[in-house]
C-alpha atoms as a PDB file:
ATOM      1  CA  MET A   1      21.844  26.399 -83.634  1.00  0.00           C
ATOM      2  CA  THR A   2      18.268  25.796 -82.632  1.00  0.00           C
ATOM      3  CA  HIS A   3      15.424  26.019 -85.044  1.00  0.00           C
ATOM      4  CA  ALA A   4      11.883  26.889 -84.143  1.00  0.00           C
ATOM      5  CA  HIS A   5       9.455  24.102 -84.803  1.00  0.00           C
ATOM      6  CA  ALA A   6       7.239  24.720 -87.796  1.00  0.00           C
ATOM      7  CA  PRO A   7       3.657  25.360 -86.751  1.00  0.00           C
ATOM      8  CA  ALA A   8       1.321  22.431 -87.155  1.00  0.00           C
ATOM      9  CA  PRO A   9      -1.055  22.758 -90.102  1.00  0.00           C
ATOM     10  CA  PRO A  10      -4.636  23.601 -89.155  1.00  0.00           C
ATOM     11  CA  ARG A  11      -7.072  20.752 -88.756  1.00  0.00           C
ATOM     12  CA  SER A  12      -8.911  19.877 -91.933  1.00  0.00           C
ATOM     13  CA  THR A  13     -12.535  18.916 -92.458  1.00  0.00           C
ATOM     14  CA  LEU A  14     -13.881  17.497 -95.714  1.00  0.00           C
ATOM     15  CA  VAL A  15     -17.623  17.618 -96.351  1.00  0.00           C
ATOM     16  CA  VAL A  16     -18.896  15.471 -99.239  1.00  0.00           C
ATOM     17  CA  THR A  17     -22.421  16.301-100.363  1.00  0.00           C
ATOM     18  CA  ALA A  18     -24.616  15.266-103.255  1.00  0.00           C
ATOM     19  CA  HIS A  19     -26.105  18.689-103.968  1.00  0.00           C
ATOM     20  CA  ALA A  20     -25.129  22.324-103.625  1.00  0.00           C
ATOM     21  CA  GLY A  21     -27.375  23.013-100.634  1.00  0.00           C
ATOM     22  CA  ASP A  22     -26.903  19.854 -98.592  1.00  0.00           C
ATOM     23  CA  PHE A  23     -23.880  21.038 -96.648  1.00  0.00           C
ATOM     24  CA  VAL A  24     -25.723  24.078 -95.343  1.00  0.00           C
ATOM     25  CA  TRP A  25     -28.906  22.382 -94.110  1.00  0.00           C
ATOM     26  CA  ARG A  26     -27.242  19.317 -92.633  1.00  0.00           C
ATOM     27  CA  ALA A  27     -23.814  20.447 -91.423  1.00  0.00           C
ATOM     28  CA  GLY A  28     -23.675  24.243 -91.594  1.00  0.00           C
ATOM     29  CA  GLY A  29     -23.224  24.501 -87.835  1.00  0.00           C
ATOM     30  CA  ALA A  30     -20.385  21.969 -87.749  1.00  0.00           C
ATOM     31  CA  ILE A  31     -18.681  23.789 -90.619  1.00  0.00           C
ATOM     32  CA  ALA A  32     -19.037  27.209 -88.969  1.00  0.00           C
ATOM     33  CA  LEU A  33     -17.717  25.875 -85.651  1.00  0.00           C
ATOM     34  CA  ALA A  34     -14.653  24.357 -87.304  1.00  0.00           C
ATOM     35  CA  ALA A  35     -13.961  27.538 -89.282  1.00  0.00           C
ATOM     36  CA  SER A  36     -14.347  29.662 -86.140  1.00  0.00           C
ATOM     37  CA  ARG A  37     -11.517  27.652 -84.574  1.00  0.00           C
ATOM     38  CA  GLY A  38      -9.236  28.402 -87.504  1.00  0.00           C
ATOM     39  CA  GLU A  39      -9.661  24.996 -89.116  1.00  0.00           C
ATOM     40  CA  LYS A  40      -9.714  24.480 -92.866  1.00  0.00           C
ATOM     41  CA  VAL A  41     -13.049  23.250 -94.217  1.00  0.00           C
ATOM     42  CA  THR A  42     -13.518  22.057 -97.786  1.00  0.00           C
ATOM     43  CA  VAL A  43     -16.939  21.227 -99.215  1.00  0.00           C
ATOM     44  CA  ALA A  44     -17.160  18.850-102.163  1.00  0.00           C
ATOM     45  CA  CYS A  45     -20.453  19.399-103.992  1.00  0.00           C
ATOM     46  CA  LEU A  46     -20.821  16.473-106.370  1.00  0.00           C
ATOM     47  CA  THR A  47     -23.685  18.207-108.222  1.00  0.00           C
ATOM     48  CA  PHE A  48     -25.430  21.555-108.264  1.00  0.00           C
ATOM     49  CA  GLY A  49     -28.809  19.978-107.497  1.00  0.00           C
ATOM     50  CA  GLU A  50     -29.886  21.518-110.762  1.00  0.00           C
ATOM     51  CA  ARG A  51     -32.536  19.004-111.807  1.00  0.00           C
ATOM     52  CA  GLY A  52     -34.006  17.662-108.601  1.00  0.00           C
ATOM     53  CA  GLU A  53     -33.534  20.401-106.004  1.00  0.00           C
ATOM     54  CA  SER A  54     -34.243  23.591-107.927  1.00  0.00           C
ATOM     55  CA  ALA A  55     -37.984  23.412-108.576  1.00  0.00           C
ATOM     56  CA  LYS A  56     -38.496  27.097-107.815  1.00  0.00           C
ATOM     57  CA  ALA A  57     -36.056  28.075-110.584  1.00  0.00           C
ATOM     58  CA  TRP A  58     -37.582  25.648-113.095  1.00  0.00           C
ATOM     59  CA  ARG A  59     -41.064  27.025-112.390  1.00  0.00           C
ATOM     60  CA  ALA A  60     -39.702  30.529-112.957  1.00  0.00           C
ATOM     61  CA  GLY A  61     -38.794  29.465-116.507  1.00  0.00           C
ATOM     62  CA  LYS A  62     -35.020  29.253-116.103  1.00  0.00           C
ATOM     63  CA  GLY A  63     -32.958  26.838-118.211  1.00  0.00           C
ATOM     64  CA  LEU A  64     -30.459  24.216-117.111  1.00  0.00           C
ATOM     65  CA  ALA A  65     -27.302  26.295-117.576  1.00  0.00           C
ATOM     66  CA  GLU A  66     -28.879  29.268-115.818  1.00  0.00           C
ATOM     67  CA  ILE A  67     -29.980  27.091-112.889  1.00  0.00           C
ATOM     68  CA  LYS A  68     -26.514  25.593-112.512  1.00  0.00           C
ATOM     69  CA  ALA A  69     -25.027  29.083-112.381  1.00  0.00           C
ATOM     70  CA  LEU A  70     -27.651  30.150-109.839  1.00  0.00           C
ATOM     71  CA  ARG A  71     -27.040  27.174-107.547  1.00  0.00           C
ATOM     72  CA  ARG A  72     -23.279  27.592-107.821  1.00  0.00           C
ATOM     73  CA  GLU A  73     -23.500  31.244-106.836  1.00  0.00           C
ATOM     74  CA  GLU A  74     -25.782  30.419-103.891  1.00  0.00           C
ATOM     75  CA  ALA A  75     -23.462  27.668-102.647  1.00  0.00           C
ATOM     76  CA  GLU A  76     -20.385  29.880-102.966  1.00  0.00           C
ATOM     77  CA  ARG A  77     -22.045  32.635-100.940  1.00  0.00           C
ATOM     78  CA  ALA A  78     -23.229  30.176 -98.288  1.00  0.00           C
ATOM     79  CA  ALA A  79     -19.788  28.563 -97.998  1.00  0.00           C
ATOM     80  CA  ALA A  80     -18.175  31.994 -97.629  1.00  0.00           C
ATOM     81  CA  VAL A  81     -20.583  32.860 -94.815  1.00  0.00           C
ATOM     82  CA  LEU A  82     -19.699  29.617 -93.028  1.00  0.00           C
ATOM     83  CA  GLY A  83     -15.969  30.077 -93.603  1.00  0.00           C
ATOM     84  CA  ALA A  84     -15.453  27.135 -95.960  1.00  0.00           C
ATOM     85  CA  GLY A  85     -14.026  26.589 -99.409  1.00  0.00           C
ATOM     86  CA  VAL A  86     -16.141  24.748-101.963  1.00  0.00           C
ATOM     87  CA  ARG A  87     -15.307  22.539-104.949  1.00  0.00           C
ATOM     88  CA  PHE A  88     -17.888  21.676-107.602  1.00  0.00           C
ATOM     89  CA  PHE A  89     -17.713  18.351-109.430  1.00  0.00           C
ATOM     90  CA  ASP A  90     -20.714  18.955-111.738  1.00  0.00           C
ATOM     91  CA  ALA A  91     -21.409  15.210-111.940  1.00  0.00           C
ATOM     92  CA  GLY A  92     -25.115  15.651-112.715  1.00  0.00           C
ATOM     93  CA  ASP A  93     -28.027  14.973-110.384  1.00  0.00           C
ATOM     94  CA  TYR A  94     -31.296  13.061-110.649  1.00  0.00           C
ATOM     95  CA  PRO A  95     -29.657  10.725-111.049  1.00  0.00           C
ATOM     96  CA  LEU A  96     -26.171  11.074-109.638  1.00  0.00           C
ATOM     97  CA  THR A  97     -24.349   7.960-110.822  1.00  0.00           C
ATOM     98  CA  GLU A  98     -21.278   6.237-109.444  1.00  0.00           C
ATOM     99  CA  SER A  99     -18.259   6.221-111.739  1.00  0.00           C
ATOM    100  CA  ALA A 100     -14.542   5.524-111.604  1.00  0.00           C
ATOM    101  CA  GLU A 101     -13.870   9.070-112.812  1.00  0.00           C
ATOM    102  CA  LEU A 102     -15.888  10.648-110.002  1.00  0.00           C
ATOM    103  CA  THR A 103     -14.195   8.431-107.419  1.00  0.00           C
ATOM    104  CA  ASP A 104     -10.751   9.298-108.796  1.00  0.00           C
ATOM    105  CA  ARG A 105     -11.481  13.007-108.540  1.00  0.00           C
ATOM    106  CA  LEU A 106     -12.638  12.621-104.957  1.00  0.00           C
ATOM    107  CA  VAL A 107      -9.585  10.515-104.046  1.00  0.00           C
ATOM    108  CA  ALA A 108      -7.433  13.379-105.314  1.00  0.00           C
ATOM    109  CA  LEU A 109      -9.334  15.814-103.089  1.00  0.00           C
ATOM    110  CA  TYR A 110      -8.883  13.563-100.049  1.00  0.00           C
ATOM    111  CA  ARG A 111      -5.151  13.456-100.661  1.00  0.00           C
ATOM    112  CA  GLU A 112      -4.990  17.201-101.262  1.00  0.00           C
ATOM    113  CA  THR A 113      -6.992  18.260 -98.192  1.00  0.00           C
ATOM    114  CA  ARG A 114      -5.830  15.434 -95.864  1.00  0.00           C
ATOM    115  CA  PRO A 115      -8.933  15.618 -93.680  1.00  0.00           C
ATOM    116  CA  ASP A 116      -8.943  15.016 -89.940  1.00  0.00           C
ATOM    117  CA  VAL A 117     -12.734  14.626 -90.119  1.00  0.00           C
ATOM    118  CA  VAL A 118     -15.122  13.670 -92.926  1.00  0.00           C
ATOM    119  CA  LEU A 119     -18.816  14.572 -93.014  1.00  0.00           C
ATOM    120  CA  THR A 120     -21.194  13.011 -95.519  1.00  0.00           C
ATOM    121  CA  HIS A 121     -24.624  11.473 -96.077  1.00  0.00           C
ATOM    122  CA  PRO A 122     -25.840   8.309 -94.322  1.00  0.00           C
ATOM    123  CA  ALA A 123     -26.346   5.120 -96.322  1.00  0.00           C
ATOM    124  CA  GLU A 124     -30.130   5.275 -96.644  1.00  0.00           C
ATOM    125  CA  ASP A 125     -32.548   7.769 -98.157  1.00  0.00           C
ATOM    126  CA  PRO A 126     -35.617   6.299 -99.870  1.00  0.00           C
ATOM    127  CA  TYR A 127     -36.656   9.761-101.061  1.00  0.00           C
ATOM    128  CA  ASN A 128     -33.444  10.761-102.827  1.00  0.00           C
ATOM    129  CA  GLY A 129     -31.171   8.237-104.529  1.00  0.00           C
ATOM    130  CA  ASP A 130     -28.406  10.794-105.027  1.00  0.00           C
ATOM    131  CA  HIS A 131     -27.661  10.863-101.297  1.00  0.00           C
ATOM    132  CA  PRO A 132     -26.770   7.144-100.966  1.00  0.00           C
ATOM    133  CA  VAL A 133     -24.617   7.446-104.101  1.00  0.00           C
ATOM    134  CA  ALA A 134     -22.716  10.345-102.537  1.00  0.00           C
ATOM    135  CA  HIS A 135     -22.372   8.280 -99.345  1.00  0.00           C
ATOM    136  CA  ARG A 136     -20.881   5.299-101.154  1.00  0.00           C
ATOM    137  CA  THR A 137     -18.585   7.458-103.260  1.00  0.00           C
ATOM    138  CA  ALA A 138     -17.311   9.354-100.219  1.00  0.00           C
ATOM    139  CA  LEU A 139     -16.502   6.164 -98.306  1.00  0.00           C
ATOM    140  CA  GLN A 140     -14.958   4.407-101.297  1.00  0.00           C
ATOM    141  CA  ALA A 141     -12.731   7.386-102.056  1.00  0.00           C
ATOM    142  CA  ARG A 142     -11.662   7.537 -98.388  1.00  0.00           C
ATOM    143  CA  ILE A 143     -10.564   3.902 -98.547  1.00  0.00           C
ATOM    144  CA  LEU A 144      -8.753   4.269-101.870  1.00  0.00           C
ATOM    145  CA  ALA A 145      -6.977   7.437-100.739  1.00  0.00           C
ATOM    146  CA  GLN A 146      -5.329   5.318 -98.017  1.00  0.00           C
ATOM    147  CA  ALA A 147      -3.972   2.733-100.479  1.00  0.00           C
ATOM    148  CA  ILE A 148      -0.336   3.318-101.405  1.00  0.00           C
ATOM    149  CA  GLY A 149      -0.768   1.391-104.654  1.00  0.00           C
ATOM    150  CA  TYR A 150      -3.768   3.400-105.837  1.00  0.00           C
ATOM    151  CA  PRO A 151      -2.644   5.678-108.685  1.00  0.00           C
ATOM    152  CA  GLY A 152      -2.878   9.419-108.491  1.00  0.00           C
ATOM    153  CA  ASP A 153      -1.163  12.489-107.140  1.00  0.00           C
ATOM    154  CA  GLY A 154      -0.553  13.126-103.469  1.00  0.00           C
ATOM    155  CA  ASP A 155       0.494  11.074-100.488  1.00  0.00           C
ATOM    156  CA  VAL A 156      -1.743   8.468 -98.911  1.00  0.00           C
ATOM    157  CA  ILE A 157      -3.898   9.607 -96.023  1.00  0.00           C
ATOM    158  CA  GLY A 158      -4.715   8.039 -92.681  1.00  0.00           C
ATOM    159  CA  ALA A 159      -8.189   6.920 -91.643  1.00  0.00           C
ATOM    160  CA  PRO A 160     -10.094  10.076 -90.726  1.00  0.00           C
ATOM    161  CA  PRO A 161     -13.214   9.569 -88.605  1.00  0.00           C
ATOM    162  CA  VAL A 162     -16.485   9.852 -90.493  1.00  0.00           C
ATOM    163  CA  PHE A 163     -19.728  11.437 -89.330  1.00  0.00           C
ATOM    164  CA  PHE A 164     -23.030  11.066 -91.168  1.00  0.00           C
ATOM    165  CA  PHE A 165     -25.176  14.177 -91.012  1.00  0.00           C
ATOM    166  CA  GLU A 166     -28.928  14.053 -90.578  1.00  0.00           C
ATOM    167  CA  PRO A 167     -31.086  13.401 -93.658  1.00  0.00           C
ATOM    168  CA  HIS A 168     -34.283  15.306 -94.362  1.00  0.00           C
ATOM    169  CA  GLN A 169     -36.451  12.301 -93.424  1.00  0.00           C
ATOM    170  CA  PRO A 170     -34.483  10.723 -90.539  1.00  0.00           C
ATOM    171  CA  GLU A 171     -37.208   8.309 -89.440  1.00  0.00           C
ATOM    172  CA  MET A 172     -37.413   6.828 -92.936  1.00  0.00           C
ATOM    173  CA  SER A 173     -33.656   6.689 -93.448  1.00  0.00           C
ATOM    174  CA  GLY A 174     -32.529   4.606 -90.495  1.00  0.00           C
ATOM    175  CA  PHE A 175     -30.934   7.646 -88.856  1.00  0.00           C
ATOM    176  CA  ARG A 176     -30.216   7.581 -85.125  1.00  0.00           C
ATOM    177  CA  PRO A 177     -28.824  10.763 -83.481  1.00  0.00           C
ATOM    178  CA  GLU A 178     -25.702   9.317 -81.864  1.00  0.00           C
ATOM    179  CA  VAL A 179     -23.799  12.620 -81.640  1.00  0.00           C
ATOM    180  CA  LEU A 180     -25.439  15.940 -80.814  1.00  0.00           C
ATOM    181  CA  LEU A 181     -23.257  18.927 -81.639  1.00  0.00           C
ATOM    182  CA  ASP A 182     -23.981  22.221 -79.876  1.00  0.00           C
ATOM    183  CA  ILE A 183     -24.052  24.900 -82.592  1.00  0.00           C
ATOM    184  CA  THR A 184     -25.661  27.641 -80.486  1.00  0.00           C
ATOM    185  CA  GLU A 185     -22.695  30.004 -80.766  1.00  0.00           C
ATOM    186  CA  VAL A 186     -22.732  29.828 -84.571  1.00  0.00           C
ATOM    187  CA  TRP A 187     -26.464  29.488 -85.142  1.00  0.00           C
ATOM    188  CA  ASP A 188     -26.811  33.016 -86.528  1.00  0.00           C
ATOM    189  CA  THR A 189     -24.037  32.213 -89.021  1.00  0.00           C
ATOM    190  CA  LYS A 190     -25.774  29.027 -90.136  1.00  0.00           C
ATOM    191  CA  ARG A 191     -29.072  30.864 -90.525  1.00  0.00           C
ATOM    192  CA  LYS A 192     -27.396  33.508 -92.704  1.00  0.00           C
ATOM    193  CA  ALA A 193     -25.916  30.753 -94.856  1.00  0.00           C
ATOM    194  CA  MET A 194     -29.339  29.113 -95.172  1.00  0.00           C
ATOM    195  CA  GLU A 195     -30.765  32.390 -96.389  1.00  0.00           C
ATOM    196  CA  CYS A 196     -28.236  32.376 -99.242  1.00  0.00           C
ATOM    197  CA  LEU A 197     -30.116  29.401-100.696  1.00  0.00           C
ATOM    198  CA  GLY A 198     -33.061  31.212-102.199  1.00  0.00           C
ATOM    199  CA  ALA A 199     -33.809  28.345-104.579  1.00  0.00           C
ATOM    200  CA  GLN A 200     -34.806  26.247-101.549  1.00  0.00           C
ATOM    201  CA  GLU A 201     -36.395  28.905 -99.362  1.00  0.00           C
ATOM    202  CA  HIS A 202     -39.082  26.415 -98.356  1.00  0.00           C
ATOM    203  CA  LEU A 203     -36.473  24.623 -96.198  1.00  0.00           C
ATOM    204  CA  TRP A 204     -35.464  27.596 -94.048  1.00  0.00           C
ATOM    205  CA  ALA A 205     -38.206  27.071 -91.472  1.00  0.00           C
ATOM    206  CA  TYR A 206     -37.808  23.283 -91.394  1.00  0.00           C
ATOM    207  CA  TYR A 207     -34.096  23.373 -90.569  1.00  0.00           C
ATOM    208  CA  THR A 208     -34.572  26.171 -88.050  1.00  0.00           C
ATOM    209  CA  ASP A 209     -37.137  24.022 -86.241  1.00  0.00           C
ATOM    210  CA  LEU A 210     -34.872  20.961 -86.470  1.00  0.00           C
ATOM    211  CA  ALA A 211     -31.997  22.861 -84.832  1.00  0.00           C
ATOM    212  CA  VAL A 212     -34.302  23.791 -81.942  1.00  0.00           C
ATOM    213  CA  ARG A 213     -35.544  20.213 -81.478  1.00  0.00           C
ATOM    214  CA  ARG A 214     -32.037  18.759 -81.565  1.00  0.00           C
ATOM    215  CA  GLY A 215     -31.029  21.483 -79.098  1.00  0.00           C
ATOM    216  CA  VAL A 216     -33.719  20.303 -76.695  1.00  0.00           C
ATOM    217  CA  GLN A 217     -32.395  16.757 -76.978  1.00  0.00           C
ATOM    218  CA  LEU A 218     -28.836  17.954 -76.398  1.00  0.00           C
ATOM    219  CA  ARG A 219     -29.803  19.749 -73.205  1.00  0.00           C
ATOM    220  CA  ARG A 220     -31.794  16.754 -72.020  1.00  0.00           C
ATOM    221  CA  ASN A 221     -28.677  14.599 -72.348  1.00  0.00           C
ATOM    222  CA  ALA A 222     -26.243  17.148 -70.925  1.00  0.00           C
ATOM    223  CA  GLY A 223     -27.041  17.045 -67.217  1.00  0.00           C
ATOM    224  CA  PRO A 224     -29.588  18.145 -64.612  1.00  0.00           C
ATOM    225  CA  ASN A 225     -31.470  20.781 -66.563  1.00  0.00           C
ATOM    226  CA  LEU A 226     -35.095  19.678 -66.646  1.00  0.00           C
ATOM    227  CA  GLY A 227     -37.403  22.655 -66.513  1.00  0.00           C
ATOM    228  CA  LEU A 228     -34.649  25.215 -67.080  1.00  0.00           C
ATOM    229  CA  ALA A 229     -35.085  27.674 -69.923  1.00  0.00           C
ATOM    230  CA  HIS A 230     -32.527  27.561 -72.737  1.00  0.00           C
ATOM    231  CA  ASP A 231     -32.106  28.478 -76.390  1.00  0.00           C
ATOM    232  CA  THR A 232     -29.759  25.717 -77.509  1.00  0.00           C
ATOM    233  CA  ARG A 233     -29.375  24.803 -81.181  1.00  0.00           C
ATOM    234  CA  ALA A 234     -27.794  21.543 -82.306  1.00  0.00           C
ATOM    235  CA  GLU A 235     -27.045  19.235 -85.234  1.00  0.00           C
ATOM    236  CA  ALA A 236     -27.202  15.440 -85.123  1.00  0.00           C
ATOM    237  CA  PHE A 237     -24.726  12.936 -86.541  1.00  0.00           C
ATOM    238  CA  MET A 238     -24.114   9.181 -86.719  1.00  0.00           C
ATOM    239  CA  ARG A 239     -20.753   7.390 -86.588  1.00  0.00           C
ATOM    240  CA  PRO A 240     -20.129   4.345 -88.809  1.00  0.00           C
ATOM    241  CA  PHE A 241     -16.736   3.462 -87.336  1.00  0.00           C
ATOM    242  CA  PRO A 242     -15.586   2.922 -83.728  1.00  0.00           C
ATOM    243  CA  GLN A 243     -14.569   5.947 -81.707  1.00  0.00           C
ATOM    244  CA  ILE A 244     -10.912   5.793 -80.656  1.00  0.00           C
ATOM    245  CA  ALA A 245     -10.395   6.874 -77.030  1.00  0.00           C
ATOM    246  CA  ARG A 246      -8.079   6.606 -74.020  1.00  0.00           C
ATOM    247  CA  GLU A 247     -10.944   7.108 -71.609  1.00  0.00           C
ATOM    248  CA  LEU A 248     -14.703   6.828 -71.712  1.00  0.00           C
ATOM    249  CA  ALA A 249     -16.414  10.194 -71.982  1.00  0.00           C
END
């Protein structure tokens, strides 16, 4: 008797962000592209960004609990638009602090989601200390999730490639756009997700402009297209680990 092979599980992407809005601004296009291909995308929001990234709500007289609920609801709506699931760790921002408990929880998520790709913050950000903490926690948890002797539920994972998404101040954060991802086909989806984040409405125009500028750079590096009109949108990423390949491309 022959048995049909079980279908392969969909590819998995894990996005680790410091605050509830980071995944939309910095990687919303990558998330929407992956989801459009039927891949599973999980966003780990380590905090709600309730203290440091919700000034509009504080000025409106809202309290801490109310702001957390607001930012959670915004992030859930944005993730749904992009096609992702979202987990909230509520670890507290400004400052976000490293802890064994937070790392353990993230290790468990790595082992649960078994990512093929990981997206997170780069190592530097002189304007926001929470972002480097999220970076270090994401990489540490990735390493520990591979260790067979590390306690916790779930099987060990492999070594998924990591991409650092672009920070808000790239020139001041040592960011170099090594990978330019064409998000033109999902730009409208990303823009709709951005518009879910009413607490940070002041960033809508900035990240729209950034997508256009990175799109120009993508086209400039994509072949003989100087002087040709286009409406390309893109996101930029860095890679901390070597790319594994059978041919140069």
